[in-house]
Amino acid sequence: MHEHRFAIGQSVRMPNRLGTLKTDDLLFTVTGKMPARDRSPQYRIRSEEERHERVVTEDMLEAIAQQLEMADAAEQLFAPKKITLPNTN
């Protein structure tokens, strides 16, 4: 039996590819874990943009937490810092 790689509540993305044309990835939250299908764990996932849940196998998903952490680090590195000057009055 294969272990589930993603946790309930974790943000994941499902790469959206149509043939050789890559379109925007779809973002989801894991809402439940299900038994494996064809030796790949299954998940219930939901998008903020959809009213229904989907059932997908683990090989269809990618974690996005690392990408978000990298974006936060870049924002902190390049964000303008607010400088407070002393009041001279």
N, C-alpha and C. Protein backbone atom coordinates (compact mmCIF):
# COMPACT_ATOMS: atom_id res chain seq x y z
N MET A 1 0.85 -1.19 0.00
CA MET A 1 0.00 0.00 0.00
C MET A 1 0.88 1.24 0.00
N HIS A 2 0.56 2.19 -0.82
CA HIS A 2 1.33 3.42 -0.93
C HIS A 2 0.82 4.46 0.06
N GLU A 3 1.74 5.21 0.65
CA GLU A 3 1.39 6.29 1.58
C GLU A 3 0.92 7.50 0.78
N HIS A 4 0.01 8.26 1.35
CA HIS A 4 -0.44 9.50 0.73
C HIS A 4 0.64 10.58 0.93
N ARG A 5 0.98 11.27 -0.12
CA ARG A 5 2.01 12.30 -0.08
C ARG A 5 1.46 13.65 0.37
N PHE A 6 0.19 13.91 0.12
CA PHE A 6 -0.43 15.19 0.44
C PHE A 6 -1.34 15.06 1.65
N ALA A 7 -1.44 16.12 2.44
CA ALA A 7 -2.26 16.14 3.65
C ALA A 7 -3.58 16.85 3.38
N ILE A 8 -4.59 16.52 4.18
CA ILE A 8 -5.87 17.21 4.09
C ILE A 8 -5.63 18.68 4.45
N GLY A 9 -6.17 19.57 3.64
CA GLY A 9 -5.99 21.01 3.84
C GLY A 9 -4.81 21.58 3.07
N GLN A 10 -3.97 20.73 2.50
CA GLN A 10 -2.80 21.19 1.75
C GLN A 10 -3.22 21.74 0.39
N SER A 11 -2.55 22.79 -0.05
CA SER A 11 -2.78 23.36 -1.38
C SER A 11 -1.96 22.59 -2.40
N VAL A 12 -2.59 22.25 -3.50
CA VAL A 12 -1.92 21.52 -4.58
C VAL A 12 -2.33 22.13 -5.91
N ARG A 13 -1.61 21.77 -6.94
CA ARG A 13 -2.01 22.21 -8.27
C ARG A 13 -2.10 21.00 -9.17
N MET A 14 -2.94 21.12 -10.15
CA MET A 14 -3.09 20.07 -11.15
C MET A 14 -2.68 20.70 -12.47
N PRO A 15 -1.51 20.31 -12.99
CA PRO A 15 -1.09 20.88 -14.27
C PRO A 15 -2.16 20.66 -15.32
N ASN A 16 -2.48 21.70 -16.06
CA ASN A 16 -3.53 21.67 -17.07
C ASN A 16 -2.86 21.69 -18.44
N ARG A 17 -2.84 20.54 -19.07
CA ARG A 17 -2.19 20.45 -20.37
C ARG A 17 -3.18 19.92 -21.40
N LEU A 18 -3.28 20.62 -22.49
CA LEU A 18 -4.12 20.18 -23.60
C LEU A 18 -3.20 19.85 -24.77
N GLY A 19 -2.96 18.58 -24.98
CA GLY A 19 -2.02 18.19 -26.03
C GLY A 19 -0.64 18.69 -25.68
N THR A 20 0.00 19.40 -26.57
CA THR A 20 1.32 19.96 -26.30
C THR A 20 1.23 21.40 -25.81
N LEU A 21 0.03 21.98 -25.83
CA LEU A 21 -0.18 23.35 -25.38
C LEU A 21 -0.40 23.36 -23.88
N LYS A 22 0.46 24.05 -23.14
CA LYS A 22 0.30 24.14 -21.69
C LYS A 22 -0.51 25.39 -21.37
N THR A 23 -1.56 25.19 -20.60
CA THR A 23 -2.39 26.31 -20.17
C THR A 23 -2.16 26.54 -18.69
N ASP A 24 -2.88 27.46 -18.08
CA ASP A 24 -2.73 27.75 -16.65
C ASP A 24 -3.04 26.52 -15.81
N ASP A 25 -2.25 26.33 -14.75
CA ASP A 25 -2.50 25.24 -13.82
C ASP A 25 -3.72 25.56 -12.98
N LEU A 26 -4.39 24.52 -12.51
CA LEU A 26 -5.56 24.68 -11.66
C LEU A 26 -5.14 24.47 -10.21
N LEU A 27 -5.58 25.34 -9.30
CA LEU A 27 -5.21 25.27 -7.89
C LEU A 27 -6.36 24.68 -7.07
N PHE A 28 -6.01 23.78 -6.14
CA PHE A 28 -7.00 23.07 -5.34
C PHE A 28 -6.53 22.93 -3.90
N THR A 29 -7.46 22.55 -3.02
CA THR A 29 -7.17 22.18 -1.64
C THR A 29 -7.60 20.73 -1.47
N VAL A 30 -6.73 19.93 -0.83
CA VAL A 30 -7.06 18.53 -0.57
C VAL A 30 -8.12 18.49 0.53
N THR A 31 -9.26 17.83 0.25
CA THR A 31 -10.35 17.75 1.22
C THR A 31 -10.50 16.35 1.80
N GLY A 32 -9.85 15.36 1.21
CA GLY A 32 -9.95 14.01 1.74
C GLY A 32 -8.98 13.05 1.06
N LYS A 33 -8.67 11.97 1.77
CA LYS A 33 -7.81 10.92 1.23
C LYS A 33 -8.67 9.70 0.93
N MET A 34 -8.34 9.00 -0.16
CA MET A 34 -9.10 7.82 -0.56
C MET A 34 -8.13 6.68 -0.84
N PRO A 35 -8.63 5.45 -0.91
CA PRO A 35 -7.76 4.31 -1.22
C PRO A 35 -7.09 4.46 -2.58
N ALA A 36 -5.98 3.76 -2.75
CA ALA A 36 -5.22 3.82 -4.00
C ALA A 36 -5.99 3.20 -5.15
N ARG A 37 -5.72 3.73 -6.33
CA ARG A 37 -6.25 3.18 -7.57
C ARG A 37 -5.07 2.98 -8.50
N ASP A 38 -4.90 1.77 -8.99
CA ASP A 38 -3.74 1.43 -9.84
C ASP A 38 -2.44 1.82 -9.14
N ARG A 39 -2.35 1.53 -7.86
CA ARG A 39 -1.18 1.76 -7.00
C ARG A 39 -0.84 3.24 -6.82
N SER A 40 -1.79 4.14 -7.09
CA SER A 40 -1.59 5.57 -6.86
C SER A 40 -2.67 6.03 -5.89
N PRO A 41 -2.29 6.59 -4.72
CA PRO A 41 -3.29 7.09 -3.77
C PRO A 41 -4.21 8.10 -4.44
N GLN A 42 -5.46 8.12 -3.99
CA GLN A 42 -6.44 9.06 -4.53
C GLN A 42 -6.79 10.12 -3.50
N TYR A 43 -7.24 11.26 -4.00
CA TYR A 43 -7.62 12.39 -3.14
C TYR A 43 -8.92 13.00 -3.63
N ARG A 44 -9.64 13.59 -2.69
CA ARG A 44 -10.76 14.48 -3.01
C ARG A 44 -10.17 15.88 -2.95
N ILE A 45 -10.39 16.67 -3.99
CA ILE A 45 -9.85 18.03 -4.04
C ILE A 45 -10.96 19.00 -4.42
N ARG A 46 -10.76 20.24 -4.02
CA ARG A 46 -11.77 21.28 -4.33
C ARG A 46 -11.07 22.59 -4.66
N SER A 47 -11.63 23.29 -5.62
CA SER A 47 -11.14 24.60 -6.03
C SER A 47 -12.12 25.65 -5.52
N GLU A 48 -11.61 26.82 -5.19
CA GLU A 48 -12.47 27.94 -4.78
C GLU A 48 -13.39 28.37 -5.92
N GLU A 49 -12.99 28.07 -7.14
CA GLU A 49 -13.73 28.52 -8.31
C GLU A 49 -14.83 27.55 -8.75
N GLU A 50 -14.87 26.36 -8.13
CA GLU A 50 -15.85 25.36 -8.53
C GLU A 50 -16.75 24.99 -7.36
N ARG A 51 -17.95 24.56 -7.65
CA ARG A 51 -18.89 24.19 -6.60
C ARG A 51 -18.80 22.71 -6.24
N HIS A 52 -18.07 21.93 -7.01
CA HIS A 52 -18.00 20.49 -6.79
C HIS A 52 -16.58 20.06 -6.42
N GLU A 53 -16.46 18.85 -5.89
CA GLU A 53 -15.15 18.27 -5.61
C GLU A 53 -14.77 17.33 -6.75
N ARG A 54 -13.49 17.08 -6.86
CA ARG A 54 -12.98 16.13 -7.85
C ARG A 54 -12.29 15.00 -7.11
N VAL A 55 -12.22 13.85 -7.74
CA VAL A 55 -11.42 12.73 -7.23
C VAL A 55 -10.31 12.52 -8.25
N VAL A 56 -9.06 12.57 -7.77
CA VAL A 56 -7.90 12.43 -8.66
C VAL A 56 -6.87 11.52 -8.01
N THR A 57 -6.00 10.96 -8.83
CA THR A 57 -4.89 10.17 -8.31
C THR A 57 -3.70 11.09 -8.02
N GLU A 58 -2.84 10.62 -7.13
CA GLU A 58 -1.71 11.43 -6.68
C GLU A 58 -0.80 11.87 -7.82
N ASP A 59 -0.66 11.02 -8.83
CA ASP A 59 0.24 11.36 -9.94
C ASP A 59 -0.28 12.52 -10.80
N MET A 60 -1.51 12.95 -10.55
CA MET A 60 -2.08 14.09 -11.28
C MET A 60 -1.82 15.42 -10.57
N LEU A 61 -1.24 15.37 -9.34
CA LEU A 61 -1.10 16.57 -8.51
C LEU A 61 0.35 16.92 -8.25
N GLU A 62 0.58 18.19 -7.96
CA GLU A 62 1.89 18.69 -7.54
C GLU A 62 1.70 19.60 -6.34
N ALA A 63 2.63 19.57 -5.40
CA ALA A 63 2.57 20.46 -4.23
C ALA A 63 2.90 21.88 -4.66
N ILE A 64 2.26 22.87 -4.02
CA ILE A 64 2.57 24.26 -4.36
C ILE A 64 3.15 25.01 -3.17
N ALA A 65 3.23 24.39 -2.01
CA ALA A 65 3.73 25.08 -0.82
C ALA A 65 5.13 25.62 -1.04
N GLN A 66 6.01 24.83 -1.64
CA GLN A 66 7.38 25.28 -1.85
C GLN A 66 7.41 26.50 -2.76
N GLN A 67 6.58 26.51 -3.79
CA GLN A 67 6.54 27.66 -4.69
C GLN A 67 6.04 28.90 -3.96
N LEU A 68 5.06 28.75 -3.08
CA LEU A 68 4.55 29.89 -2.33
C LEU A 68 5.61 30.42 -1.36
N GLU A 69 6.36 29.51 -0.72
CA GLU A 69 7.42 29.94 0.19
C GLU A 69 8.48 30.72 -0.59
N MET A 70 8.81 30.27 -1.79
CA MET A 70 9.81 30.97 -2.61
C MET A 70 9.28 32.35 -3.00
N ALA A 71 8.00 32.46 -3.32
CA ALA A 71 7.41 33.75 -3.68
C ALA A 71 7.43 34.69 -2.49
N ASP A 72 7.11 34.17 -1.29
CA ASP A 72 7.15 35.00 -0.08
C ASP A 72 8.56 35.50 0.19
N ALA A 73 9.56 34.64 0.01
CA ALA A 73 10.95 35.03 0.23
C ALA A 73 11.37 36.10 -0.76
N ALA A 74 10.97 35.95 -2.02
CA ALA A 74 11.31 36.94 -3.04
C ALA A 74 10.64 38.27 -2.73
N GLU A 75 9.39 38.23 -2.27
CA GLU A 75 8.68 39.47 -1.94
C GLU A 75 9.37 40.19 -0.79
N GLN A 76 9.80 39.45 0.21
CA GLN A 76 10.49 40.06 1.34
C GLN A 76 11.83 40.64 0.91
N LEU A 77 12.49 39.97 -0.03
CA LEU A 77 13.79 40.43 -0.49
C LEU A 77 13.68 41.71 -1.32
N PHE A 78 12.66 41.78 -2.18
CA PHE A 78 12.56 42.89 -3.11
C PHE A 78 11.52 43.94 -2.74
N ALA A 79 10.74 43.71 -1.71
CA ALA A 79 9.72 44.67 -1.31
C ALA A 79 10.38 45.91 -0.73
N PRO A 80 9.86 47.08 -1.06
CA PRO A 80 10.44 48.30 -0.49
C PRO A 80 10.21 48.32 1.02
N LYS A 81 11.23 48.69 1.73
CA LYS A 81 11.14 48.76 3.18
C LYS A 81 10.67 50.15 3.61
N LYS A 82 9.80 50.19 4.59
CA LYS A 82 9.29 51.45 5.09
C LYS A 82 10.29 52.00 6.11
N ILE A 83 10.74 53.19 5.87
CA ILE A 83 11.71 53.82 6.76
C ILE A 83 11.00 54.88 7.58
N THR A 84 11.17 54.82 8.88
CA THR A 84 10.56 55.80 9.78
C THR A 84 11.64 56.78 10.21
N LEU A 85 11.43 58.05 9.93
CA LEU A 85 12.39 59.07 10.31
C LEU A 85 11.97 59.63 11.68
N PRO A 86 12.96 59.98 12.49
CA PRO A 86 12.63 60.55 13.81
C PRO A 86 11.96 61.91 13.67
N ASN A 87 11.07 62.20 14.57
CA ASN A 87 10.35 63.47 14.56
C ASN A 87 11.28 64.54 15.14
N THR A 88 11.54 65.58 14.34
CA THR A 88 12.48 66.63 14.78
C THR A 88 11.76 67.86 15.31
N ASN A 89 10.48 67.81 15.50
CA ASN A 89 9.73 68.97 16.01
C ASN A 89 9.83 69.09 17.49
